[in-house]
Amino acid sequence: MCLGGRLIYIGAGTSGRLGILDASECPPTYGVDSSLVQGIIAGGSQAITQAIEGVEDSTELAVEDLKKINLTSNDIVCTIAASGRTPYAIAGLQNAKNVGCETVSLCCVQNGEISKYANCPIEVVVGPEVITGSTRMKAGTAQKMVLNMISTSVMIKKGKVYGNLMVDVQPTNEKLKMRAVSIVCQSIDCDERKAKELLNKSNYNVKIAILMGLTGKDEIECQNALEKNKENISLASKKLIEENKEE
């Protein structure tokens, strides 16, 4: 993704649903475009709420689904399969490697078949399910935690977090506006009045408000610094502080 690509989750059944869930949570949490992290499930959108027989065994379907999103070598593909042997998932991984993508596999068994095909295999061995065969339980919970870790790590690397604060939160309602105020207060150690003043000047762009508070620069200078540093607030603040010292 450092090459400007995307993070693509692909899986069947519960595994596919979990990938879609994690992907769908990235835009509201981190303010990224919905295309940056995507989830693909065997059987398409209908399979999110209904079980569709046979699709997890289709290797051709996995290739078709990845072609639909115009997969490129800049993308990273993370294939999810609790059993470690789902044909749809394995075919998706093989196709991604043929395209030249970096690949990740996630399964919940030791020495999973899918692990053989990934650059970065992840195996979270959870043992037998409480209800035999119901991988939405222990395996599903473990998969969701790992996907959280993967997407969170990506967003930290992309500068979507300052300290441990989600500074690209989209203040689309009153609750999130108050969260934005709290984030600015914590980031620059100010009171609510000052935080609201900065947010109003920055049109409630949390990162610009923080940079203004940290550096004393106006909103235009802070916006330019963010653009020059690929929206990474840590890099932008460092650059602006260095400029202040030179002045």
Protein backbone atom coordinates (compact mmCIF):
# COMPACT_ATOMS: atom_id res chain seq x y z
CA MET A 1 0.00 0.00 0.00
CA CYS A 2 3.02 2.26 0.25
CA LEU A 3 2.90 2.16 -3.58
CA GLY A 4 -0.57 3.67 -3.61
CA GLY A 5 -2.45 0.40 -3.78
CA ARG A 6 -5.35 -1.03 -1.82
CA LEU A 7 -5.93 -3.61 0.90
CA ILE A 8 -8.28 -6.30 -0.41
CA TYR A 9 -9.91 -8.90 1.83
CA ILE A 10 -11.37 -11.95 0.10
CA GLY A 11 -13.15 -14.97 1.55
CA ALA A 12 -16.29 -17.10 1.57
CA GLY A 13 -19.08 -17.34 4.13
CA THR A 14 -18.27 -16.00 7.59
CA SER A 15 -14.70 -15.22 6.57
CA GLY A 16 -15.89 -13.08 3.67
CA ARG A 17 -18.41 -11.27 5.87
CA LEU A 18 -15.73 -10.43 8.43
CA GLY A 19 -13.53 -8.96 5.70
CA ILE A 20 -16.41 -6.79 4.50
CA LEU A 21 -17.16 -5.69 8.06
CA ASP A 22 -13.59 -4.60 8.74
CA ALA A 23 -13.35 -2.81 5.39
CA SER A 24 -16.65 -0.99 5.93
CA GLU A 25 -15.48 0.38 9.28
CA CYS A 26 -12.40 2.12 7.84
CA PRO A 27 -14.05 5.13 6.11
CA PRO A 28 -16.05 6.38 9.13
CA THR A 29 -13.21 5.70 11.57
CA TYR A 30 -10.27 6.99 9.54
CA GLY A 31 -11.81 9.18 6.85
CA VAL A 32 -10.39 7.11 3.99
CA ASP A 33 -12.05 6.50 0.64
CA SER A 34 -14.16 3.34 0.57
CA SER A 35 -11.96 1.96 -2.22
CA LEU A 36 -8.81 1.87 -0.06
CA VAL A 37 -9.87 -1.17 2.00
CA GLN A 38 -12.30 -3.52 0.26
CA GLY A 39 -13.99 -6.77 1.16
CA ILE A 40 -14.95 -9.42 -1.39
CA ILE A 41 -17.22 -12.34 -0.55
CA ALA A 42 -17.91 -15.40 -2.67
CA GLY A 43 -21.40 -15.00 -4.11
CA GLY A 44 -21.44 -11.20 -4.00
CA SER A 45 -23.59 -8.89 -1.90
CA GLN A 46 -26.40 -11.43 -1.58
CA ALA A 47 -24.02 -13.74 0.29
CA ILE A 48 -23.57 -11.15 3.05
CA THR A 49 -26.99 -12.03 4.49
CA GLN A 50 -27.73 -15.38 2.85
CA ALA A 51 -25.77 -18.59 2.48
CA ILE A 52 -25.26 -19.37 -1.20
CA GLU A 53 -24.45 -22.99 -1.90
CA GLY A 54 -21.36 -23.98 -3.86
CA VAL A 55 -19.67 -20.61 -4.28
CA GLU A 56 -16.89 -21.37 -1.80
CA ASP A 57 -15.78 -24.25 -4.03
CA SER A 58 -15.54 -22.14 -7.19
CA THR A 59 -11.99 -21.26 -8.15
CA GLU A 60 -13.16 -19.47 -11.31
CA LEU A 61 -15.40 -17.15 -9.28
CA ALA A 62 -12.48 -15.93 -7.18
CA VAL A 63 -10.52 -14.96 -10.28
CA GLU A 64 -13.55 -13.19 -11.75
CA ASP A 65 -14.20 -11.27 -8.54
CA LEU A 66 -10.63 -9.96 -8.41
CA LYS A 67 -10.74 -8.99 -12.08
CA LYS A 68 -13.87 -6.92 -11.40
CA ILE A 69 -11.94 -4.63 -9.06
CA ASN A 70 -9.03 -4.27 -11.52
CA LEU A 71 -6.47 -5.83 -9.19
CA THR A 72 -2.92 -4.53 -9.71
CA SER A 73 0.52 -5.40 -8.39
CA ASN A 74 0.34 -2.38 -6.06
CA ASP A 75 -2.48 -3.98 -4.08
CA ILE A 76 -2.21 -6.26 -1.05
CA VAL A 77 -4.58 -9.22 -0.94
CA CYS A 78 -5.50 -10.83 2.37
CA THR A 79 -7.33 -14.12 1.92
CA ILE A 80 -9.40 -15.36 4.86
CA ALA A 81 -10.42 -18.99 5.40
CA ALA A 82 -10.99 -20.44 8.87
CA SER A 83 -10.42 -24.01 7.64
CA GLY A 84 -7.34 -23.02 5.68
CA ARG A 85 -8.49 -25.00 2.64
CA THR A 86 -11.42 -23.17 1.00
CA PRO A 87 -10.96 -23.46 -2.81
CA TYR A 88 -12.36 -19.94 -3.47
CA ALA A 89 -9.90 -18.42 -1.01
CA ILE A 90 -6.91 -20.38 -2.29
CA ALA A 91 -7.71 -19.48 -5.90
CA GLY A 92 -7.98 -15.82 -4.95
CA LEU A 93 -4.57 -15.96 -3.34
CA GLN A 94 -2.99 -17.72 -6.29
CA ASN A 95 -4.46 -15.18 -8.70
CA ALA A 96 -3.17 -12.31 -6.58
CA LYS A 97 0.33 -13.78 -6.66
CA ASN A 98 0.12 -14.15 -10.44
CA VAL A 99 -0.75 -10.46 -10.69
CA GLY A 100 2.28 -9.63 -8.54
CA CYS A 101 0.51 -8.58 -5.34
CA GLU A 102 1.89 -8.97 -1.86
CA THR A 103 -0.28 -11.62 -0.21
CA VAL A 104 -1.49 -12.44 3.29
CA SER A 105 -3.45 -15.50 4.40
CA LEU A 106 -5.44 -15.87 7.60
CA CYS A 107 -6.68 -19.23 8.86
CA CYS A 108 -7.41 -20.88 12.19
CA VAL A 109 -5.58 -24.19 11.82
CA GLN A 110 -1.96 -25.21 11.94
CA ASN A 111 -0.24 -25.77 8.59
CA GLY A 112 -3.27 -24.63 6.64
CA GLU A 113 -3.24 -25.32 2.91
CA ILE A 114 -3.73 -21.63 2.22
CA SER A 115 -0.56 -20.77 4.14
CA LYS A 116 1.54 -22.37 1.41
CA TYR A 117 0.59 -19.68 -1.09
CA ALA A 118 0.98 -16.47 0.95
CA ASN A 119 3.95 -14.16 1.42
CA CYS A 120 2.74 -13.62 4.98
CA PRO A 121 0.74 -16.55 6.38
CA ILE A 122 -1.11 -15.99 9.65
CA GLU A 123 -2.40 -19.00 11.58
CA VAL A 124 -4.46 -18.42 14.73
CA VAL A 125 -5.16 -21.89 16.13
CA VAL A 126 -8.29 -21.70 18.28
CA GLY A 127 -9.05 -25.40 18.71
CA PRO A 128 -12.45 -27.13 18.35
CA GLU A 129 -15.53 -24.92 18.21
CA VAL A 130 -18.10 -25.01 21.01
CA ILE A 131 -20.64 -25.99 18.35
CA THR A 132 -18.82 -28.25 15.92
CA GLY A 133 -18.33 -26.68 12.51
CA SER A 134 -19.65 -23.25 13.48
CA THR A 135 -16.59 -21.22 12.54
CA ARG A 136 -18.42 -17.95 13.16
CA MET A 137 -17.67 -18.48 16.86
CA LYS A 138 -14.08 -19.00 18.08
CA ALA A 139 -12.52 -18.82 14.63
CA GLY A 140 -14.69 -15.86 13.61
CA THR A 141 -13.83 -13.93 16.76
CA ALA A 142 -10.11 -14.59 16.27
CA GLN A 143 -10.29 -13.57 12.60
CA LYS A 144 -12.06 -10.32 13.44
CA MET A 145 -9.37 -9.44 15.99
CA VAL A 146 -6.58 -10.09 13.48
CA LEU A 147 -8.32 -8.05 10.76
CA ASN A 148 -8.69 -5.21 13.27
CA MET A 149 -4.94 -5.38 13.89
CA ILE A 150 -4.13 -5.38 10.17
CA SER A 151 -6.33 -2.41 9.24
CA THR A 152 -5.35 -0.46 12.36
CA SER A 153 -1.65 -0.95 11.58
CA VAL A 154 -2.22 0.23 8.02
CA MET A 155 -4.02 3.36 9.18
CA ILE A 156 -1.31 4.18 11.71
CA LYS A 157 1.31 3.86 8.97
CA LYS A 158 -0.75 6.14 6.73
CA GLY A 159 -0.80 8.86 9.40
CA LYS A 160 -4.48 8.49 10.20
CA VAL A 161 -3.66 8.37 13.91
CA TYR A 162 -1.90 10.93 16.11
CA GLY A 163 -0.69 9.34 19.33
CA ASN A 164 -3.60 6.98 19.90
CA LEU A 165 -6.24 9.39 18.57
CA MET A 166 -8.19 8.84 15.33
CA VAL A 167 -7.61 12.29 13.90
CA ASP A 168 -9.39 11.63 10.60
CA VAL A 169 -12.74 11.00 12.26
CA GLN A 170 -15.58 12.47 10.20
CA PRO A 171 -17.73 14.72 12.44
CA THR A 172 -21.03 13.95 10.71
CA ASN A 173 -23.23 14.16 13.83
CA GLU A 174 -23.22 15.84 17.25
CA LYS A 175 -21.59 12.87 18.98
CA LEU A 176 -18.71 12.87 16.51
CA LYS A 177 -18.37 16.66 16.70
CA MET A 178 -17.90 16.34 20.46
CA ARG A 179 -15.36 13.59 19.84
CA ALA A 180 -13.51 15.92 17.48
CA VAL A 181 -13.40 18.57 20.21
CA SER A 182 -12.08 16.01 22.68
CA ILE A 183 -9.38 14.86 20.24
CA VAL A 184 -8.15 18.41 19.67
CA CYS A 185 -8.17 19.10 23.42
CA GLN A 186 -6.06 16.02 24.12
CA SER A 187 -3.70 16.60 21.19
CA ILE A 188 -2.70 20.16 22.04
CA ASP A 189 -3.66 20.24 25.74
CA CYS A 190 -6.24 23.00 25.46
CA ASP A 191 -9.75 23.67 26.74
CA GLU A 192 -12.99 23.11 24.82
CA ARG A 193 -13.35 26.77 23.91
CA LYS A 194 -9.98 26.82 22.16
CA ALA A 195 -10.62 23.47 20.48
CA LYS A 196 -13.95 24.65 19.07
CA GLU A 197 -12.34 27.87 17.86
CA LEU A 198 -9.69 25.92 15.95
CA LEU A 199 -12.23 23.47 14.56
CA ASN A 200 -14.48 26.26 13.33
CA LYS A 201 -11.52 27.90 11.57
CA SER A 202 -10.57 24.61 9.94
CA ASN A 203 -14.15 23.70 8.93
CA TYR A 204 -14.02 20.89 11.50
CA ASN A 205 -10.99 19.24 9.94
CA VAL A 206 -9.43 17.70 13.05
CA LYS A 207 -5.92 17.37 11.64
CA ILE A 208 -5.77 20.96 10.45
CA ALA A 209 -7.11 22.16 13.81
CA ILE A 210 -4.41 20.21 15.65
CA LEU A 211 -1.65 21.53 13.38
CA MET A 212 -2.88 25.08 13.86
CA GLY A 213 -2.81 24.61 17.62
CA LEU A 214 0.62 22.98 17.63
CA THR A 215 2.38 25.36 15.26
CA GLY A 216 0.50 28.67 15.22
CA LYS A 217 0.22 28.47 11.43
CA ASP A 218 -3.06 29.35 9.68
CA GLU A 219 -5.39 26.82 8.11
CA ILE A 220 -4.01 27.29 4.57
CA GLU A 221 -0.41 26.65 5.66
CA CYS A 222 -1.49 23.59 7.64
CA GLN A 223 -3.54 22.22 4.74
CA ASN A 224 -0.58 22.68 2.39
CA ALA A 225 1.72 20.90 4.85
CA LEU A 226 -0.66 17.96 5.03
CA GLU A 227 -0.90 17.73 1.24
CA LYS A 228 2.87 17.83 0.87
CA ASN A 229 3.23 15.03 3.44
CA LYS A 230 0.54 12.70 2.06
CA GLU A 231 -1.94 13.71 4.80
CA ASN A 232 0.38 12.31 7.49
CA ILE A 233 -0.12 14.60 10.48
CA SER A 234 3.04 13.50 12.27
CA LEU A 235 5.23 14.33 9.27
CA ALA A 236 3.37 17.58 8.62
CA SER A 237 3.71 18.78 12.23
CA LYS A 238 7.41 17.96 12.26
CA LYS A 239 7.91 19.97 9.06
CA LEU A 240 5.98 22.99 10.34
CA ILE A 241 7.78 22.99 13.68
CA GLU A 242 11.14 22.91 11.87
CA GLU A 243 10.03 25.88 9.78
CA ASN A 244 9.12 27.78 12.95
CA LYS A 245 12.61 27.17 14.35
CA GLU A 246 14.24 28.43 11.15
CA GLU A 247 12.19 31.61 11.32
